[in-house]
Amino acid sequence: MVQVSVHGNIEQALRALKKKMQREGIFREMKLRRHYEKESEKKKRRGAESERRRRKLDRKRQQMDS
């Protein structure tokens, strides 16, 4: 559960709520659960995400070494 305090400014509270939900990955999870995902598709997606993270880390390491 996400709690945001409102001190009279609803727009500010909505922005804070949206930011918290974004950080916690709630929007991403909602998007993934919108439709059923077969187990094979999950594995494929996770593998692609892992590869993306690995490449990003490699690029960072190369920049640090240069």
N, C-alpha and C. Protein backbone atom coordinates (compact mmCIF):
# COMPACT_ATOMS: atom_id res chain seq x y z
N MET A 1 0.84 -1.18 0.00
CA MET A 1 0.00 0.00 0.00
C MET A 1 0.89 1.24 0.00
N VAL A 2 0.47 2.23 -0.77
CA VAL A 2 1.22 3.47 -0.88
C VAL A 2 0.40 4.58 -0.25
N GLN A 3 1.01 5.33 0.65
CA GLN A 3 0.30 6.43 1.30
C GLN A 3 0.99 7.74 0.98
N VAL A 4 0.17 8.75 0.64
CA VAL A 4 0.67 10.08 0.35
C VAL A 4 -0.16 11.05 1.16
N SER A 5 0.51 11.96 1.87
CA SER A 5 -0.23 12.92 2.68
C SER A 5 -0.64 14.11 1.81
N VAL A 6 -1.86 14.59 2.02
CA VAL A 6 -2.40 15.73 1.28
C VAL A 6 -2.51 16.90 2.24
N HIS A 7 -1.82 17.98 1.90
CA HIS A 7 -1.89 19.18 2.72
C HIS A 7 -2.59 20.28 1.93
N GLY A 8 -3.78 19.97 1.42
CA GLY A 8 -4.57 20.95 0.71
C GLY A 8 -4.29 21.00 -0.79
N ASN A 9 -3.18 20.46 -1.25
CA ASN A 9 -2.84 20.53 -2.67
C ASN A 9 -2.96 19.13 -3.28
N ILE A 10 -4.07 18.90 -3.95
CA ILE A 10 -4.35 17.58 -4.50
C ILE A 10 -3.42 17.25 -5.66
N GLU A 11 -3.12 18.24 -6.52
CA GLU A 11 -2.25 18.00 -7.67
C GLU A 11 -0.86 17.55 -7.21
N GLN A 12 -0.36 18.19 -6.18
CA GLN A 12 0.96 17.84 -5.65
C GLN A 12 0.94 16.41 -5.08
N ALA A 13 -0.16 16.07 -4.40
CA ALA A 13 -0.29 14.73 -3.83
C ALA A 13 -0.36 13.68 -4.94
N LEU A 14 -1.07 14.00 -6.03
CA LEU A 14 -1.16 13.06 -7.15
C LEU A 14 0.20 12.85 -7.79
N ARG A 15 0.98 13.93 -7.94
CA ARG A 15 2.32 13.80 -8.51
C ARG A 15 3.20 12.94 -7.61
N ALA A 16 3.11 13.15 -6.30
CA ALA A 16 3.90 12.37 -5.35
C ALA A 16 3.50 10.90 -5.41
N LEU A 17 2.19 10.64 -5.49
CA LEU A 17 1.70 9.27 -5.58
C LEU A 17 2.20 8.60 -6.85
N LYS A 18 2.12 9.31 -7.97
CA LYS A 18 2.56 8.76 -9.25
C LYS A 18 4.05 8.44 -9.21
N LYS A 19 4.83 9.33 -8.60
CA LYS A 19 6.28 9.12 -8.50
C LYS A 19 6.59 7.90 -7.65
N LYS A 20 5.89 7.75 -6.51
CA LYS A 20 6.11 6.59 -5.65
C LYS A 20 5.75 5.29 -6.36
N MET A 21 4.61 5.31 -7.07
CA MET A 21 4.18 4.12 -7.79
C MET A 21 5.17 3.77 -8.90
N GLN A 22 5.71 4.79 -9.55
CA GLN A 22 6.70 4.56 -10.61
C GLN A 22 7.95 3.90 -10.02
N ARG A 23 8.43 4.43 -8.89
CA ARG A 23 9.64 3.90 -8.25
C ARG A 23 9.45 2.46 -7.80
N GLU A 24 8.25 2.13 -7.32
CA GLU A 24 7.98 0.79 -6.80
C GLU A 24 7.65 -0.21 -7.91
N GLY A 25 7.49 0.27 -9.13
CA GLY A 25 7.24 -0.62 -10.26
C GLY A 25 5.79 -1.06 -10.40
N ILE A 26 4.88 -0.33 -9.81
CA ILE A 26 3.47 -0.71 -9.86
C ILE A 26 2.92 -0.56 -11.28
N PHE A 27 3.27 0.53 -11.97
CA PHE A 27 2.78 0.75 -13.33
C PHE A 27 3.26 -0.35 -14.26
N ARG A 28 4.51 -0.73 -14.11
CA ARG A 28 5.09 -1.78 -14.96
C ARG A 28 4.38 -3.11 -14.70
N GLU A 29 4.12 -3.40 -13.44
CA GLU A 29 3.44 -4.65 -13.09
C GLU A 29 2.01 -4.66 -13.63
N MET A 30 1.33 -3.51 -13.54
CA MET A 30 -0.03 -3.43 -14.07
C MET A 30 -0.03 -3.69 -15.58
N LYS A 31 0.96 -3.12 -16.26
CA LYS A 31 1.07 -3.31 -17.71
C LYS A 31 1.30 -4.78 -18.04
N LEU A 32 2.16 -5.44 -17.27
CA LEU A 32 2.46 -6.85 -17.52
C LEU A 32 1.26 -7.74 -17.22
N ARG A 33 0.46 -7.40 -16.24
CA ARG A 33 -0.67 -8.24 -15.84
C ARG A 33 -1.94 -7.95 -16.63
N ARG A 34 -1.88 -6.96 -17.52
CA ARG A 34 -3.05 -6.60 -18.30
C ARG A 34 -3.54 -7.79 -19.13
N HIS A 35 -2.60 -8.58 -19.65
CA HIS A 35 -2.94 -9.75 -20.46
C HIS A 35 -2.15 -10.94 -19.92
N TYR A 36 -2.69 -12.13 -20.16
CA TYR A 36 -1.99 -13.34 -19.74
C TYR A 36 -0.72 -13.50 -20.56
N GLU A 37 0.35 -13.85 -19.88
CA GLU A 37 1.63 -14.06 -20.54
C GLU A 37 2.04 -15.52 -20.35
N LYS A 38 2.23 -16.22 -21.46
CA LYS A 38 2.62 -17.62 -21.37
C LYS A 38 3.99 -17.72 -20.71
N GLU A 39 4.25 -18.88 -20.13
CA GLU A 39 5.52 -19.10 -19.43
C GLU A 39 6.71 -18.92 -20.37
N SER A 40 6.58 -19.41 -21.60
CA SER A 40 7.67 -19.28 -22.57
C SER A 40 7.92 -17.81 -22.92
N GLU A 41 6.84 -17.02 -22.99
CA GLU A 41 6.99 -15.59 -23.27
C GLU A 41 7.66 -14.87 -22.10
N LYS A 42 7.32 -15.30 -20.88
CA LYS A 42 7.95 -14.72 -19.69
C LYS A 42 9.45 -14.95 -19.72
N LYS A 43 9.83 -16.20 -20.02
CA LYS A 43 11.26 -16.54 -20.06
C LYS A 43 11.97 -15.71 -21.11
N LYS A 44 11.35 -15.56 -22.26
CA LYS A 44 11.94 -14.79 -23.35
C LYS A 44 12.11 -13.33 -22.94
N ARG A 45 11.07 -12.76 -22.32
CA ARG A 45 11.12 -11.36 -21.88
C ARG A 45 12.19 -11.16 -20.81
N ARG A 46 12.22 -12.07 -19.85
CA ARG A 46 13.22 -11.96 -18.78
C ARG A 46 14.64 -12.06 -19.33
N GLY A 47 14.83 -12.96 -20.29
CA GLY A 47 16.14 -13.10 -20.91
C GLY A 47 16.56 -11.83 -21.63
N ALA A 48 15.61 -11.22 -22.35
CA ALA A 48 15.90 -9.98 -23.07
C ALA A 48 16.22 -8.86 -22.09
N GLU A 49 15.47 -8.79 -20.97
CA GLU A 49 15.73 -7.77 -19.96
C GLU A 49 17.11 -7.96 -19.35
N SER A 50 17.45 -9.21 -19.08
CA SER A 50 18.76 -9.52 -18.50
C SER A 50 19.88 -9.11 -19.46
N GLU A 51 19.70 -9.42 -20.73
CA GLU A 51 20.70 -9.06 -21.74
C GLU A 51 20.86 -7.54 -21.83
N ARG A 52 19.75 -6.82 -21.77
CA ARG A 52 19.78 -5.36 -21.81
C ARG A 52 20.56 -4.80 -20.62
N ARG A 53 20.28 -5.35 -19.43
CA ARG A 53 21.00 -4.90 -18.23
C ARG A 53 22.49 -5.18 -18.34
N ARG A 54 22.83 -6.37 -18.85
CA ARG A 54 24.23 -6.75 -19.00
C ARG A 54 24.96 -5.81 -19.96
N ARG A 55 24.33 -5.52 -21.10
CA ARG A 55 24.94 -4.61 -22.07
C ARG A 55 25.13 -3.22 -21.49
N LYS A 56 24.13 -2.77 -20.75
CA LYS A 56 24.22 -1.43 -20.13
C LYS A 56 25.38 -1.39 -19.14
N LEU A 57 25.51 -2.44 -18.34
CA LEU A 57 26.60 -2.52 -17.38
C LEU A 57 27.95 -2.55 -18.09
N ASP A 58 28.03 -3.29 -19.19
CA ASP A 58 29.28 -3.36 -19.97
C ASP A 58 29.65 -1.98 -20.51
N ARG A 59 28.66 -1.25 -21.03
CA ARG A 59 28.93 0.10 -21.54
C ARG A 59 29.45 1.01 -20.43
N LYS A 60 28.83 0.91 -19.26
CA LYS A 60 29.26 1.72 -18.11
C LYS A 60 30.70 1.40 -17.74
N ARG A 61 31.02 0.10 -17.70
CA ARG A 61 32.37 -0.32 -17.34
C ARG A 61 33.40 0.17 -18.35
N GLN A 62 33.05 0.14 -19.63
CA GLN A 62 33.96 0.63 -20.67
C GLN A 62 34.21 2.12 -20.52
N GLN A 63 33.17 2.88 -20.18
CA GLN A 63 33.33 4.32 -19.98
C GLN A 63 34.22 4.60 -18.79
N MET A 64 34.07 3.81 -17.75
CA MET A 64 34.88 4.01 -16.54
C MET A 64 36.35 3.72 -16.83
N ASP A 65 36.62 2.70 -17.67
CA ASP A 65 37.99 2.33 -17.99
C ASP A 65 38.66 3.34 -18.92
N SER A 66 37.87 3.99 -19.76
CA SER A 66 38.44 4.94 -20.73
C SER A 66 38.93 6.22 -20.11
